[in-house]
Amino acid sequence: MSDKKKKILKILLMIAFVGAIAAIIAYTAVKDFSKETIRPGEIARMLGQNWYYLLALLALFLGTLILESLKLFLMIRKTCKQYRPITAVNCAVIGKYYDNVTPLGSGGQPFQMYYLSKHGVPSGPASAIPVGSLFLTQFAFFICAVVCFIVGVDESLVPLGVQITAYIGAFLYAAVPASLLILSLRPGVGHAIVGFGVRLCTKIHLCKSPEKWLEKGKNFITNNCRNMAILFTSKRVLIVCSLFAIALVILQCSMPYFTLLLFSGSIDVELSWEKWFEILRVSFFIYSAIVFAPTPGNSGAADGTFYGLFKSVLTVAGSCFTGMMIWRVFSFYGYIALGIVFSLGIRIAGRIRKRKLSQSLPLADQPPQSENSLVLEDSVTVTSADLSAPADPSTEDIDTQN
């Protein structure tokens, strides 16, 4: 397939995805507002009275980023013996952004690896840190989900079919950390998988140099296992990062509860530990059930299932759709918006850096550069294509503050 056809296919898939999400949102809006509903001004008044719960949602949103940043900071400190707080924050934003714009939430780690490798982190730790962070987060989610499954939830909030789907989804979700653990403890298993993949690609004529790819694959597995072992040799780092991961997933699953509290003046939802734990269990059930959704951020499945939760609790027509959209802003769209702002900031920083370099160096002393590249440091050259991604090497000047 030519590059032009690939570009057209990518655009068509994006249009189809956006159209499907817009259709689901429009359907829930029409279904909710078609009933006898309160005026929009009444909803605004209700939200205005409970504005402090909006601040609580904002705190949860920022808390997830802070905990992810702390987790990455400790891992960088352990593997590189460096204090890199800004690098950790930028890496956390990159991960959240790409997790929410790629199918199955699988895009964050490669971009985090690229970002770390371009900002002073050796290639081995740069690949192990995002993988280790993913392992702890998914393992923490699985542990919390199992606890919620044991305690159980009312079928009026989560139907039996959704509960069964959640059981299956949680164990599939645990397959990733389990695979990472096996590969870390048994690198020979990883070598066998790489060998099988290279042989398969050779048979279907996708791999022209099997020996070269086999050597690269085995070296990657070996180095990754070695760095993963270094990463978790400290029990203190492992325990603290695990606690951060557990707190992160709990904050994420607490957002629906505080969204419901925005309408506490008209519904039977009070500020109590019992009610919080009930809605928290419902959230873990739903998040486990929508693991199968291949869309970015589980879009469509997440909107529909959490709309069902709000509908079962919010009895006032018009408030269900409003609550679902508010929750979605803090749990999904907010990370995308922050990533876009981050990307624009990187472009502006790169241009400012370029202007300062051109003004500070005499023309004869300026290093050679191509038409579409700029020199940021004596040994770092970045093309303009790199400036289009949030994991932009032109932020090297930002990370020097570390």
Protein backbone atom coordinates (compact mmCIF):
# COMPACT_ATOMS: atom_id res chain seq x y z
CA MET A 1 0.00 0.00 0.00
CA SER A 2 1.39 3.40 -1.00
CA ASP A 3 1.96 6.22 1.47
CA LYS A 4 -0.88 8.21 -0.10
CA LYS A 5 -3.34 5.34 0.36
CA LYS A 6 -2.17 4.81 3.93
CA LYS A 7 -2.73 8.48 4.65
CA ILE A 8 -6.23 8.36 3.15
CA LEU A 9 -7.06 5.21 5.13
CA LYS A 10 -5.83 6.82 8.33
CA ILE A 11 -8.01 9.89 7.71
CA LEU A 12 -11.06 7.72 6.95
CA LEU A 13 -10.56 5.67 10.11
CA MET A 14 -10.23 8.85 12.18
CA ILE A 15 -13.41 10.27 10.63
CA ALA A 16 -15.24 7.00 11.34
CA PHE A 17 -14.02 6.97 14.93
CA VAL A 18 -15.00 10.60 15.59
CA GLY A 19 -18.34 10.04 13.88
CA ALA A 20 -19.10 6.96 15.98
CA ILE A 21 -18.27 8.76 19.23
CA ALA A 22 -20.31 11.80 18.18
CA ALA A 23 -23.26 9.52 17.36
CA ILE A 24 -23.10 7.84 20.78
CA ILE A 25 -22.91 11.18 22.58
CA ALA A 26 -25.76 12.59 20.47
CA TYR A 27 -27.88 9.50 21.15
CA THR A 28 -27.41 9.73 24.92
CA ALA A 29 -28.13 13.47 24.82
CA VAL A 30 -31.34 13.07 22.82
CA LYS A 31 -32.46 10.14 24.96
CA ASP A 32 -31.84 12.07 28.17
CA PHE A 33 -33.26 15.44 27.15
CA SER A 34 -36.26 14.02 25.26
CA LYS A 35 -37.93 13.30 28.59
CA GLU A 36 -39.47 15.88 30.83
CA THR A 37 -36.36 17.67 31.92
CA ILE A 38 -35.31 20.52 34.11
CA ARG A 39 -34.12 23.71 32.49
CA PRO A 40 -30.40 24.06 31.70
CA GLY A 41 -30.35 27.04 34.04
CA GLU A 42 -31.50 24.78 36.88
CA ILE A 43 -28.65 22.34 36.18
CA ALA A 44 -26.20 25.26 36.10
CA ARG A 45 -27.57 26.51 39.42
CA MET A 46 -27.19 23.06 40.95
CA LEU A 47 -23.59 22.79 39.75
CA GLY A 48 -22.88 26.30 41.00
CA GLN A 49 -24.06 25.40 44.48
CA ASN A 50 -21.76 22.37 44.53
CA TRP A 51 -18.78 24.03 42.82
CA TYR A 52 -16.37 22.60 45.38
CA TYR A 53 -16.97 19.13 43.95
CA LEU A 54 -15.70 20.43 40.61
CA LEU A 55 -12.53 21.41 42.46
CA ALA A 56 -12.43 17.90 43.92
CA LEU A 57 -12.61 16.45 40.38
CA LEU A 58 -9.82 18.76 39.30
CA ALA A 59 -7.76 17.62 42.30
CA LEU A 60 -8.33 13.97 41.33
CA PHE A 61 -7.27 14.74 37.75
CA LEU A 62 -4.08 16.47 38.88
CA GLY A 63 -3.52 13.80 41.53
CA THR A 64 -3.31 11.05 38.91
CA LEU A 65 -0.65 13.02 37.04
CA ILE A 66 1.29 13.77 40.23
CA LEU A 67 1.29 10.13 41.32
CA GLU A 68 2.38 8.96 37.87
CA SER A 69 5.14 11.58 37.89
CA LEU A 70 6.34 10.51 41.35
CA LYS A 71 6.41 6.91 40.23
CA LEU A 72 8.53 7.75 37.20
CA PHE A 73 10.74 10.08 39.24
CA LEU A 74 11.64 7.33 41.71
CA MET A 75 12.37 4.89 38.88
CA ILE A 76 14.63 7.39 37.11
CA ARG A 77 16.37 8.11 40.40
CA LYS A 78 16.92 4.40 41.03
CA THR A 79 18.27 3.52 37.58
CA CYS A 80 20.15 6.72 36.64
CA LYS A 81 21.12 8.14 40.05
CA GLN A 82 19.76 11.53 38.91
CA TYR A 83 17.07 13.88 40.18
CA ARG A 84 14.88 14.56 37.13
CA PRO A 85 11.49 15.88 38.35
CA ILE A 86 10.67 17.85 35.18
CA THR A 87 11.59 14.88 33.01
CA ALA A 88 9.27 12.70 35.10
CA VAL A 89 6.37 15.17 34.79
CA ASN A 90 6.83 15.54 31.03
CA CYS A 91 7.05 11.77 30.63
CA ALA A 92 3.84 11.30 32.64
CA VAL A 93 1.97 13.83 30.46
CA ILE A 94 3.25 12.11 27.31
CA GLY A 95 2.10 8.72 28.56
CA LYS A 96 -1.37 9.92 29.53
CA TYR A 97 -1.79 11.79 26.25
CA TYR A 98 -0.90 8.89 23.98
CA ASP A 99 -2.72 6.34 26.15
CA ASN A 100 -5.91 8.29 25.41
CA VAL A 101 -5.42 8.83 21.68
CA THR A 102 -4.29 5.34 20.65
CA PRO A 103 -6.39 2.15 20.44
CA LEU A 104 -6.38 -0.09 23.52
CA GLY A 105 -4.42 2.57 25.42
CA SER A 106 -1.19 1.08 24.09
CA GLY A 107 0.56 4.13 22.67
CA GLY A 108 1.99 5.80 25.73
CA GLN A 109 4.97 3.55 26.49
CA PRO A 110 6.80 3.78 23.11
CA PHE A 111 6.64 7.57 23.19
CA GLN A 112 7.80 7.60 26.80
CA MET A 113 10.77 5.42 25.84
CA TYR A 114 11.63 7.80 23.01
CA TYR A 115 11.32 10.85 25.24
CA LEU A 116 13.49 9.42 28.01
CA SER A 117 16.17 8.20 25.61
CA LYS A 118 16.41 11.72 24.13
CA HIS A 119 16.66 13.42 27.52
CA GLY A 120 19.66 11.91 29.22
CA VAL A 121 18.31 8.51 30.23
CA PRO A 122 20.34 5.55 28.86
CA SER A 123 18.54 3.34 26.35
CA GLY A 124 18.24 0.39 28.75
CA PRO A 125 16.52 2.23 31.62
CA ALA A 126 14.58 4.32 29.08
CA SER A 127 12.85 1.17 27.88
CA ALA A 128 12.52 -0.47 31.31
CA ILE A 129 11.03 2.51 33.19
CA PRO A 130 7.81 2.89 31.13
CA VAL A 131 7.35 -0.89 31.08
CA GLY A 132 7.88 -1.09 34.85
CA SER A 133 5.44 1.75 35.43
CA LEU A 134 2.83 0.03 33.24
CA PHE A 135 3.39 -3.24 35.11
CA LEU A 136 2.76 -1.65 38.51
CA THR A 137 -0.32 0.30 37.37
CA GLN A 138 -2.01 -2.66 35.74
CA PHE A 139 -1.13 -4.98 38.61
CA ALA A 140 -2.53 -2.42 41.08
CA PHE A 141 -5.75 -2.19 39.07
CA PHE A 142 -6.11 -5.96 39.05
CA ILE A 143 -5.62 -6.22 42.82
CA CYS A 144 -8.17 -3.48 43.51
CA ALA A 145 -10.62 -5.00 41.03
CA VAL A 146 -10.37 -8.42 42.70
CA VAL A 147 -11.12 -6.83 46.08
CA CYS A 148 -14.19 -5.13 44.59
CA PHE A 149 -15.29 -8.41 43.00
CA ILE A 150 -15.07 -10.18 46.34
CA VAL A 151 -17.10 -7.51 48.13
CA GLY A 152 -19.60 -7.42 45.27
CA VAL A 153 -22.00 -4.78 43.98
CA ASP A 154 -25.76 -4.32 43.67
CA GLU A 155 -27.18 -5.66 40.39
CA SER A 156 -29.33 -2.53 40.11
CA LEU A 157 -26.12 -0.58 39.53
CA VAL A 158 -24.18 -3.19 37.54
CA PRO A 159 -26.22 -5.83 35.64
CA LEU A 160 -25.15 -9.45 35.89
CA GLY A 161 -23.99 -9.53 32.27
CA VAL A 162 -21.66 -6.57 32.87
CA GLN A 163 -20.33 -8.24 36.02
CA ILE A 164 -19.44 -11.43 34.12
CA THR A 165 -17.75 -9.37 31.41
CA ALA A 166 -15.82 -7.54 34.12
CA TYR A 167 -14.49 -10.80 35.56
CA ILE A 168 -13.16 -11.83 32.15
CA GLY A 169 -11.80 -8.37 31.39
CA ALA A 170 -9.92 -8.11 34.67
CA PHE A 171 -8.03 -11.33 34.08
CA LEU A 172 -7.23 -10.29 30.52
CA TYR A 173 -6.04 -6.98 31.93
CA ALA A 174 -3.75 -8.92 34.27
CA ALA A 175 -2.22 -10.78 31.33
CA VAL A 176 0.06 -7.84 30.51
CA PRO A 177 1.78 -7.57 33.92
CA ALA A 178 1.92 -11.36 34.15
CA SER A 179 3.67 -11.56 30.77
CA LEU A 180 6.10 -8.82 31.76
CA LEU A 181 6.89 -10.63 35.00
CA ILE A 182 7.55 -13.91 33.18
CA LEU A 183 9.78 -12.22 30.61
CA SER A 184 11.71 -10.45 33.37
CA LEU A 185 12.28 -13.62 35.38
CA ARG A 186 12.76 -15.92 32.38
CA PRO A 187 14.52 -14.11 29.52
CA GLY A 188 14.79 -17.44 27.70
CA VAL A 189 11.03 -17.35 27.17
CA GLY A 190 11.38 -13.95 25.54
CA HIS A 191 14.19 -15.23 23.33
CA ALA A 192 11.98 -18.11 22.19
CA ILE A 193 9.13 -15.73 21.36
CA VAL A 194 11.48 -13.46 19.41
CA GLY A 195 12.87 -16.46 17.51
CA PHE A 196 9.37 -17.64 16.60
CA GLY A 197 8.40 -14.16 15.41
CA VAL A 198 11.54 -13.78 13.28
CA ARG A 199 11.03 -17.21 11.67
CA LEU A 200 7.40 -16.39 10.92
CA CYS A 201 8.29 -13.02 9.38
CA THR A 202 11.01 -14.70 7.32
CA LYS A 203 8.58 -17.26 5.90
CA ILE A 204 6.13 -14.57 4.79
CA HIS A 205 9.00 -12.48 3.39
CA LEU A 206 8.72 -9.60 5.87
CA CYS A 207 12.20 -10.09 7.30
CA LYS A 208 15.18 -10.01 4.93
CA SER A 209 17.90 -10.27 7.58
CA PRO A 210 16.68 -12.81 10.17
CA GLU A 211 20.04 -13.16 11.92
CA LYS A 212 20.28 -9.42 12.42
CA TRP A 213 16.72 -9.08 13.75
CA LEU A 214 17.12 -12.15 15.98
CA GLU A 215 20.27 -10.70 17.54
CA LYS A 216 18.62 -7.31 18.08
CA GLY A 217 15.54 -8.91 19.61
CA LYS A 218 17.51 -11.08 22.01
CA ASN A 219 19.72 -8.16 23.04
CA PHE A 220 16.63 -6.05 23.72
CA ILE A 221 15.06 -8.78 25.86
CA THR A 222 18.29 -9.35 27.79
CA ASN A 223 18.93 -5.65 28.43
CA ASN A 224 15.32 -5.06 29.39
CA CYS A 225 15.37 -7.95 31.88
CA ARG A 226 18.60 -6.66 33.37
CA ASN A 227 17.23 -3.14 33.78
CA MET A 228 13.91 -4.39 35.16
CA ALA A 229 15.87 -6.34 37.76
CA ILE A 230 17.86 -3.22 38.68
CA LEU A 231 14.65 -1.22 38.82
CA PHE A 232 13.04 -3.45 41.43
CA THR A 233 16.07 -4.55 43.45
CA SER A 234 15.18 -1.91 46.04
CA LYS A 235 12.25 -3.12 48.10
CA ARG A 236 11.58 0.42 49.27
CA VAL A 237 11.26 1.74 45.71
CA LEU A 238 9.07 -1.22 44.76
CA ILE A 239 6.74 -0.76 47.73
CA VAL A 240 6.47 3.03 47.38
CA CYS A 241 5.85 2.85 43.62
CA SER A 242 3.24 0.13 44.17
CA LEU A 243 1.45 2.31 46.70
CA PHE A 244 1.53 5.20 44.23
CA ALA A 245 0.04 2.93 41.56
CA ILE A 246 -2.77 1.76 43.89
CA ALA A 247 -3.56 5.35 44.87
CA LEU A 248 -3.57 6.36 41.19
CA VAL A 249 -6.18 3.81 40.12
CA ILE A 250 -8.33 4.59 43.18
CA LEU A 251 -8.30 8.30 42.32
CA GLN A 252 -9.22 7.47 38.74
CA CYS A 253 -12.16 5.31 39.83
CA SER A 254 -13.32 7.88 42.41
CA MET A 255 -14.18 10.45 39.74
CA PRO A 256 -17.72 9.12 39.09
CA TYR A 257 -18.59 9.47 42.79
CA PHE A 258 -17.60 13.13 42.97
CA THR A 259 -19.40 13.72 39.68
CA LEU A 260 -22.58 12.40 41.28
CA LEU A 261 -22.03 14.68 44.28
CA LEU A 262 -22.38 17.65 41.94
CA PHE A 263 -26.09 16.79 41.84
CA SER A 264 -26.37 15.96 45.55
CA GLY A 265 -29.08 18.56 46.02
CA SER A 266 -31.59 16.51 44.01
CA ILE A 267 -30.50 12.89 44.45
CA ASP A 268 -29.89 10.47 47.28
CA VAL A 269 -26.08 10.57 47.19
CA GLU A 270 -24.43 11.77 50.35
CA LEU A 271 -20.80 12.39 51.23
CA SER A 272 -19.98 9.18 53.08
CA TRP A 273 -17.37 6.46 53.01
CA GLU A 274 -20.03 3.81 52.43
CA LYS A 275 -21.44 5.52 49.34
CA TRP A 276 -17.97 6.30 48.03
CA PHE A 277 -16.90 2.67 48.36
CA GLU A 278 -20.09 1.53 46.60
CA ILE A 279 -19.55 3.80 43.59
CA LEU A 280 -15.84 2.91 43.62
CA ARG A 281 -16.71 -0.79 43.29
CA VAL A 282 -19.09 0.03 40.44
CA SER A 283 -16.32 1.96 38.67
CA PHE A 284 -13.88 -0.95 38.90
CA PHE A 285 -16.55 -3.29 37.52
CA ILE A 286 -17.22 -0.98 34.58
CA TYR A 287 -13.56 -0.28 33.82
CA SER A 288 -12.89 -4.02 33.83
CA ALA A 289 -15.84 -4.69 31.54
CA ILE A 290 -14.78 -2.16 28.89
CA VAL A 291 -11.25 -3.55 28.53
CA PHE A 292 -12.44 -5.19 25.28
CA ALA A 293 -13.21 -1.82 23.63
CA PRO A 294 -10.44 -1.22 21.03
CA THR A 295 -11.12 2.51 20.74
CA PRO A 296 -8.85 5.22 22.21
CA GLY A 297 -9.71 5.76 25.85
CA ASN A 298 -12.38 3.02 25.56
CA SER A 299 -14.50 5.69 23.87
CA GLY A 300 -18.04 4.64 23.15
CA ALA A 301 -18.03 1.76 25.61
CA ALA A 302 -16.98 4.01 28.50
CA ASP A 303 -19.52 6.69 27.59
CA GLY A 304 -22.38 4.23 27.30
CA THR A 305 -21.67 2.15 30.41
CA PHE A 306 -21.00 5.09 32.72
CA TYR A 307 -24.10 6.81 31.32
CA GLY A 308 -25.98 3.74 32.57
CA LEU A 309 -24.45 4.25 36.02
CA PHE A 310 -25.48 7.91 36.14
CA LYS A 311 -28.93 7.02 34.84
CA SER A 312 -29.46 4.51 37.64
CA VAL A 313 -28.60 7.12 40.28
CA LEU A 314 -29.59 10.48 38.74
CA THR A 315 -33.36 10.44 38.41
CA VAL A 316 -33.73 13.99 37.04
CA ALA A 317 -33.85 13.98 33.24
CA GLY A 318 -31.06 16.01 31.69
CA SER A 319 -28.66 15.49 34.56
CA CYS A 320 -27.49 12.03 33.39
CA PHE A 321 -25.96 13.30 30.15
CA THR A 322 -24.50 16.34 31.92
CA GLY A 323 -22.92 14.16 34.59
CA MET A 324 -21.51 11.74 32.02
CA MET A 325 -19.89 14.56 30.03
CA ILE A 326 -18.41 16.20 33.15
CA TRP A 327 -16.91 12.89 34.22
CA ARG A 328 -15.55 12.32 30.70
CA VAL A 329 -13.86 15.73 30.67
CA PHE A 330 -11.84 14.91 33.79
CA SER A 331 -11.16 11.25 32.97
CA PHE A 332 -10.40 11.47 29.24
CA TYR A 333 -10.59 14.79 27.41
CA GLY A 334 -8.55 16.61 30.05
CA TYR A 335 -5.49 14.44 29.38
CA ILE A 336 -5.80 15.04 25.64
CA ALA A 337 -6.17 18.80 26.12
CA LEU A 338 -3.14 18.86 28.42
CA GLY A 339 -1.14 16.90 25.86
CA ILE A 340 -2.06 19.37 23.12
CA VAL A 341 -1.01 22.30 25.32
CA PHE A 342 2.20 20.43 26.11
CA SER A 343 2.86 19.94 22.39
CA LEU A 344 2.30 23.61 21.61
CA GLY A 345 4.56 24.58 24.49
CA ILE A 346 7.31 22.36 23.09
CA ARG A 347 7.04 24.00 19.66
CA ILE A 348 7.21 27.47 21.17
CA ALA A 349 10.17 26.48 23.36
CA GLY A 350 11.99 25.10 20.32
CA ARG A 351 11.48 28.29 18.34
CA ILE A 352 12.62 30.45 21.25
CA ARG A 353 15.69 28.27 21.68
CA LYS A 354 16.47 28.51 17.98
CA ARG A 355 16.15 32.30 18.04
CA LYS A 356 18.40 32.63 21.09
CA LEU A 357 21.07 30.42 19.53
CA SER A 358 21.02 32.34 16.28
CA GLN A 359 21.36 35.63 18.16
CA SER A 360 24.08 34.49 20.56
CA LEU A 361 26.39 32.84 18.00
CA PRO A 362 28.22 34.69 15.22
CA LEU A 363 27.24 33.49 11.77
CA ALA A 364 30.66 31.93 11.16
CA ASP A 365 30.54 29.99 14.43
CA GLN A 366 27.06 28.54 13.98
CA PRO A 367 27.08 24.77 13.35
CA PRO A 368 25.85 23.60 9.94
CA GLN A 369 22.18 22.70 9.77
CA SER A 370 19.81 21.54 7.10
CA GLU A 371 16.83 23.48 5.87
CA ASN A 372 14.41 21.62 8.12
CA SER A 373 16.50 21.14 11.26
CA LEU A 374 17.70 23.15 14.22
CA VAL A 375 20.62 22.58 16.56
CA LEU A 376 19.72 22.63 20.24
CA GLU A 377 22.99 21.52 21.79
CA ASP A 378 26.47 20.85 20.43
CA SER A 379 25.62 17.21 19.77
CA VAL A 380 21.82 17.19 19.46
CA THR A 381 20.10 17.98 16.17
CA VAL A 382 16.34 17.76 15.81
CA THR A 383 14.36 17.81 12.59
CA SER A 384 11.13 19.74 12.21
CA ALA A 385 9.24 16.45 11.97
CA ASP A 386 10.22 15.70 15.56
CA LEU A 387 8.60 18.94 16.70
CA SER A 388 5.15 17.65 15.82
CA ALA A 389 5.09 15.09 18.67
CA PRO A 390 4.82 15.85 22.39
CA ALA A 391 7.93 13.72 22.95
CA ASP A 392 9.96 16.49 21.32
CA PRO A 393 13.71 16.50 21.82
CA SER A 394 13.63 20.30 21.62
CA THR A 395 12.59 20.38 25.24
CA GLU A 396 16.15 19.60 26.28
CA ASP A 397 16.39 23.15 27.55
CA ILE A 398 13.39 22.56 29.77
CA ASP A 399 14.89 19.46 31.34
CA THR A 400 18.16 21.16 32.12
CA GLN A 401 16.28 22.71 35.00
CA ASN A 402 16.39 19.28 36.65
